[in-house]
Structures are given as C-alpha cells and as structure tokens.
C-alpha cells in the first residue's frame, strides 16, 4: 500500500511519552476525518518511520495501489493539520 506523510501534531516527545504522542496523533486523525474527509480507498493512519535514534510516528495517507496519488487531498490535509496543531 502506498503512503504519504501528512505531518504530526501535539506536544508529546518520543520515546518517553509514547502513549501521549499516539493519543495526540489519533486526535489529529479524528480531526482530519471530519475537516478533510478522504474518498473511498484512502485513509488517515499513524505511520511509523525508522530512524537511527529509534522509530517515530506521524500521520499519513494510505491508499490501495491501483488508485492515483491523492496529492490534492494531501495538500489540504497538511494545511488542516497545521491549523489544528496551532490551536
């Protein structure tokens, strides 16, 4: 499944606040689902990335491979997530 990163939100810092970070990301996803709904076949999910300092999560869009890249929705979701995180 292809993925594209949207970004992150909240004030928690990984790894010593793992539960808080995941809760903040889930809250950001709930906001995005309402403010910027995606069409069928696309979804917002917590995406994990490997890093030399350890894995870290952020919010991304995941979609079924035959569907086109959702660049328009990704750009709008990035704007909405930034607006949400500024509140």
N, C-alpha and C. Protein backbone atom coordinates (compact mmCIF):
# COMPACT_ATOMS: atom_id res chain seq x y z
N UNK A 1 0.83 -1.18 0.00
CA UNK A 1 0.00 0.00 0.00
C UNK A 1 0.88 1.25 0.00
N UNK A 2 0.67 2.14 -0.91
CA UNK A 2 1.41 3.40 -0.91
C UNK A 2 1.00 4.28 0.28
N UNK A 3 1.94 5.09 0.76
CA UNK A 3 1.66 6.03 1.84
C UNK A 3 2.34 7.36 1.54
N UNK A 4 1.80 8.40 2.11
CA UNK A 4 2.41 9.72 2.03
C UNK A 4 2.21 10.40 3.38
N UNK A 5 3.28 10.97 3.91
CA UNK A 5 3.23 11.62 5.21
C UNK A 5 2.47 12.94 5.13
N UNK A 6 1.62 13.17 6.13
CA UNK A 6 0.90 14.44 6.27
C UNK A 6 1.64 15.33 7.25
N UNK A 7 2.02 14.78 8.38
CA UNK A 7 2.74 15.54 9.40
C UNK A 7 2.44 15.01 10.78
N UNK A 8 2.68 15.84 11.77
CA UNK A 8 2.50 15.45 13.16
C UNK A 8 1.76 16.56 13.88
N UNK A 9 1.29 16.27 15.08
CA UNK A 9 0.61 17.27 15.89
C UNK A 9 0.81 16.95 17.36
N UNK A 10 0.60 17.94 18.20
CA UNK A 10 0.70 17.73 19.63
C UNK A 10 2.04 18.18 20.18
N UNK A 11 2.20 18.00 21.48
CA UNK A 11 3.40 18.47 22.15
C UNK A 11 4.21 17.34 22.77
N UNK A 12 3.72 16.12 22.71
CA UNK A 12 4.45 14.99 23.28
C UNK A 12 5.75 14.74 22.54
N UNK A 13 6.72 14.23 23.24
CA UNK A 13 8.01 13.90 22.64
C UNK A 13 8.29 12.41 22.80
N UNK A 14 8.73 11.80 21.77
CA UNK A 14 9.01 10.38 21.72
C UNK A 14 10.44 10.16 22.19
N UNK A 15 10.83 9.15 22.88
CA UNK A 15 10.08 7.95 23.24
C UNK A 15 9.49 7.96 24.64
N UNK A 16 9.87 8.89 25.51
CA UNK A 16 9.40 8.81 26.88
C UNK A 16 7.94 9.20 27.04
N UNK A 17 7.28 9.67 26.03
CA UNK A 17 5.86 10.00 26.08
C UNK A 17 5.10 9.29 24.96
N UNK A 18 5.46 8.05 24.70
CA UNK A 18 4.89 7.30 23.58
C UNK A 18 3.36 7.29 23.59
N UNK A 19 2.75 6.99 24.72
CA UNK A 19 1.29 6.92 24.78
C UNK A 19 0.67 8.28 24.46
N UNK A 20 1.26 9.34 25.00
CA UNK A 20 0.74 10.68 24.74
C UNK A 20 0.87 11.04 23.26
N UNK A 21 2.01 10.74 22.67
CA UNK A 21 2.23 11.03 21.25
C UNK A 21 1.18 10.31 20.39
N UNK A 22 0.95 9.04 20.65
CA UNK A 22 -0.02 8.27 19.87
C UNK A 22 -1.43 8.81 20.07
N UNK A 23 -1.78 9.19 21.30
CA UNK A 23 -3.10 9.78 21.56
C UNK A 23 -3.27 11.09 20.80
N UNK A 24 -2.23 11.92 20.78
CA UNK A 24 -2.31 13.19 20.06
C UNK A 24 -2.44 12.97 18.56
N UNK A 25 -1.73 11.99 18.03
CA UNK A 25 -1.86 11.69 16.60
C UNK A 25 -3.25 11.17 16.27
N UNK A 26 -3.81 10.32 17.13
CA UNK A 26 -5.17 9.81 16.90
C UNK A 26 -6.18 10.94 16.96
N UNK A 27 -5.97 11.91 17.84
CA UNK A 27 -6.84 13.08 17.89
C UNK A 27 -6.73 13.89 16.60
N UNK A 28 -5.51 14.04 16.09
CA UNK A 28 -5.30 14.73 14.81
C UNK A 28 -5.99 14.00 13.67
N UNK A 29 -5.93 12.68 13.67
CA UNK A 29 -6.61 11.88 12.64
C UNK A 29 -8.12 12.07 12.72
N UNK A 30 -8.66 12.05 13.94
CA UNK A 30 -10.11 12.27 14.10
C UNK A 30 -10.51 13.63 13.55
N UNK A 31 -9.70 14.65 13.81
CA UNK A 31 -9.97 15.99 13.28
C UNK A 31 -9.93 15.97 11.75
N UNK A 32 -8.90 15.35 11.17
CA UNK A 32 -8.77 15.32 9.71
C UNK A 32 -9.94 14.58 9.06
N UNK A 33 -10.39 13.51 9.67
CA UNK A 33 -11.52 12.77 9.10
C UNK A 33 -12.77 13.64 9.00
N UNK A 34 -12.90 14.56 9.92
CA UNK A 34 -14.06 15.46 9.92
C UNK A 34 -13.83 16.69 9.03
N UNK A 35 -12.65 17.28 9.14
CA UNK A 35 -12.36 18.54 8.43
C UNK A 35 -11.98 18.32 6.97
N UNK A 36 -11.41 17.18 6.68
CA UNK A 36 -10.89 16.93 5.33
C UNK A 36 -11.10 15.45 4.98
N UNK A 37 -12.35 15.02 4.81
CA UNK A 37 -12.60 13.61 4.53
C UNK A 37 -11.98 13.16 3.21
N UNK A 38 -11.49 11.96 3.22
CA UNK A 38 -10.89 11.37 2.02
C UNK A 38 -11.92 10.53 1.27
N UNK A 39 -11.74 10.36 -0.03
CA UNK A 39 -12.65 9.49 -0.79
C UNK A 39 -12.41 8.02 -0.44
N UNK A 40 -13.32 7.18 -0.86
CA UNK A 40 -13.19 5.73 -0.64
C UNK A 40 -11.86 5.22 -1.17
N UNK A 41 -11.25 4.31 -0.42
CA UNK A 41 -9.99 3.71 -0.83
C UNK A 41 -8.77 4.40 -0.23
N UNK A 42 -8.98 5.53 0.45
CA UNK A 42 -7.91 6.28 1.09
C UNK A 42 -8.22 6.39 2.58
N UNK A 43 -7.18 6.42 3.42
CA UNK A 43 -7.43 6.58 4.86
C UNK A 43 -6.25 7.28 5.53
N UNK A 44 -6.55 7.93 6.67
CA UNK A 44 -5.52 8.51 7.52
C UNK A 44 -5.09 7.44 8.51
N UNK A 45 -3.79 7.31 8.72
CA UNK A 45 -3.28 6.33 9.66
C UNK A 45 -2.00 6.85 10.31
N UNK A 46 -1.69 6.27 11.47
CA UNK A 46 -0.40 6.53 12.09
C UNK A 46 0.63 5.72 11.31
N UNK A 47 1.67 6.37 10.83
CA UNK A 47 2.73 5.73 10.06
C UNK A 47 4.01 5.76 10.89
N UNK A 48 4.68 4.63 10.97
CA UNK A 48 5.94 4.55 11.72
C UNK A 48 7.12 4.63 10.76
N UNK A 49 8.14 5.39 11.16
CA UNK A 49 9.35 5.56 10.38
C UNK A 49 10.55 5.10 11.20
N UNK A 50 11.49 4.45 10.55
CA UNK A 50 12.73 4.06 11.22
C UNK A 50 13.71 5.21 11.18
N UNK A 51 14.44 5.37 12.27
CA UNK A 51 15.45 6.42 12.37
C UNK A 51 16.56 5.88 13.25
N UNK A 52 17.77 6.39 13.07
CA UNK A 52 18.90 5.91 13.87
C UNK A 52 18.69 6.15 15.36
N UNK A 53 17.86 7.15 15.72
CA UNK A 53 17.54 7.41 17.13
C UNK A 53 16.39 6.55 17.62
N UNK A 54 15.77 5.82 16.73
CA UNK A 54 14.63 4.97 17.07
C UNK A 54 13.43 5.31 16.21
N UNK A 55 12.45 4.42 16.17
CA UNK A 55 11.28 4.67 15.33
C UNK A 55 10.44 5.82 15.88
N UNK A 56 9.77 6.52 14.95
CA UNK A 56 8.89 7.61 15.36
C UNK A 56 7.64 7.59 14.48
N UNK A 57 6.50 8.03 15.02
CA UNK A 57 5.24 8.03 14.27
C UNK A 57 4.87 9.41 13.76
N UNK A 58 4.07 9.45 12.72
CA UNK A 58 3.38 10.65 12.29
C UNK A 58 2.11 10.24 11.56
N UNK A 59 1.39 11.20 11.03
CA UNK A 59 0.13 10.92 10.34
C UNK A 59 0.39 10.86 8.84
N UNK A 60 -0.21 9.88 8.20
CA UNK A 60 -0.06 9.75 6.76
C UNK A 60 -1.37 9.33 6.11
N UNK A 61 -1.38 9.40 4.79
CA UNK A 61 -2.49 8.90 3.99
C UNK A 61 -2.03 7.58 3.39
N UNK A 62 -2.89 6.59 3.48
CA UNK A 62 -2.63 5.25 2.93
C UNK A 62 -3.73 4.98 1.91
N UNK A 63 -3.37 4.35 0.78
CA UNK A 63 -4.39 4.05 -0.22
C UNK A 63 -4.05 2.76 -0.94
N UNK A 64 -5.05 2.21 -1.61
CA UNK A 64 -4.89 0.99 -2.39
C UNK A 64 -4.06 1.29 -3.63
N UNK A 65 -3.14 0.40 -3.95
CA UNK A 65 -2.16 0.62 -5.01
C UNK A 65 -2.73 1.07 -6.36
N UNK A 66 -3.83 0.53 -6.85
CA UNK A 66 -4.26 0.98 -8.18
C UNK A 66 -4.83 2.39 -8.21
N UNK A 67 -5.13 2.97 -7.05
CA UNK A 67 -5.68 4.32 -7.02
C UNK A 67 -4.58 5.35 -7.26
N UNK A 68 -4.92 6.49 -7.84
CA UNK A 68 -3.91 7.52 -8.09
C UNK A 68 -3.46 8.19 -6.78
N UNK A 69 -2.29 8.80 -6.83
CA UNK A 69 -1.78 9.53 -5.68
C UNK A 69 -2.73 10.69 -5.38
N UNK A 70 -3.12 10.84 -4.10
CA UNK A 70 -4.11 11.87 -3.75
C UNK A 70 -3.48 13.22 -3.40
N UNK A 71 -2.69 13.79 -4.30
CA UNK A 71 -1.92 15.00 -3.98
C UNK A 71 -2.79 16.16 -3.53
N UNK A 72 -3.94 16.34 -4.15
CA UNK A 72 -4.83 17.45 -3.77
C UNK A 72 -5.30 17.29 -2.32
N UNK A 73 -5.70 16.07 -1.93
CA UNK A 73 -6.16 15.83 -0.56
C UNK A 73 -5.01 15.92 0.43
N UNK A 74 -3.84 15.46 0.02
CA UNK A 74 -2.67 15.53 0.90
C UNK A 74 -2.34 16.99 1.23
N UNK A 75 -2.33 17.84 0.23
CA UNK A 75 -2.04 19.27 0.45
C UNK A 75 -3.07 19.89 1.38
N UNK A 76 -4.34 19.60 1.16
CA UNK A 76 -5.39 20.15 2.01
C UNK A 76 -5.26 19.60 3.43
N UNK A 77 -4.99 18.32 3.57
CA UNK A 77 -4.84 17.71 4.89
C UNK A 77 -3.65 18.30 5.64
N UNK A 78 -2.56 18.58 4.94
CA UNK A 78 -1.40 19.21 5.59
C UNK A 78 -1.77 20.60 6.13
N UNK A 79 -2.53 21.36 5.37
CA UNK A 79 -2.98 22.68 5.82
C UNK A 79 -3.90 22.55 7.03
N UNK A 80 -4.84 21.63 6.97
CA UNK A 80 -5.78 21.43 8.08
C UNK A 80 -5.06 20.96 9.34
N UNK A 81 -4.09 20.06 9.19
CA UNK A 81 -3.37 19.56 10.35
C UNK A 81 -2.56 20.68 10.98
N UNK A 82 -1.95 21.53 10.19
CA UNK A 82 -1.21 22.67 10.72
C UNK A 82 -2.14 23.62 11.46
N UNK A 83 -3.32 23.85 10.91
CA UNK A 83 -4.32 24.70 11.57
C UNK A 83 -4.75 24.08 12.90
N UNK A 84 -4.99 22.79 12.91
CA UNK A 84 -5.38 22.07 14.13
C UNK A 84 -4.27 22.16 15.18
N UNK A 85 -3.04 21.99 14.75
CA UNK A 85 -1.91 21.98 15.69
C UNK A 85 -1.64 23.37 16.26
N UNK A 86 -2.04 24.42 15.55
CA UNK A 86 -1.85 25.79 16.03
C UNK A 86 -2.87 26.19 17.09
N UNK A 87 -3.93 25.42 17.24
CA UNK A 87 -4.99 25.77 18.20
C UNK A 87 -4.57 25.51 19.61
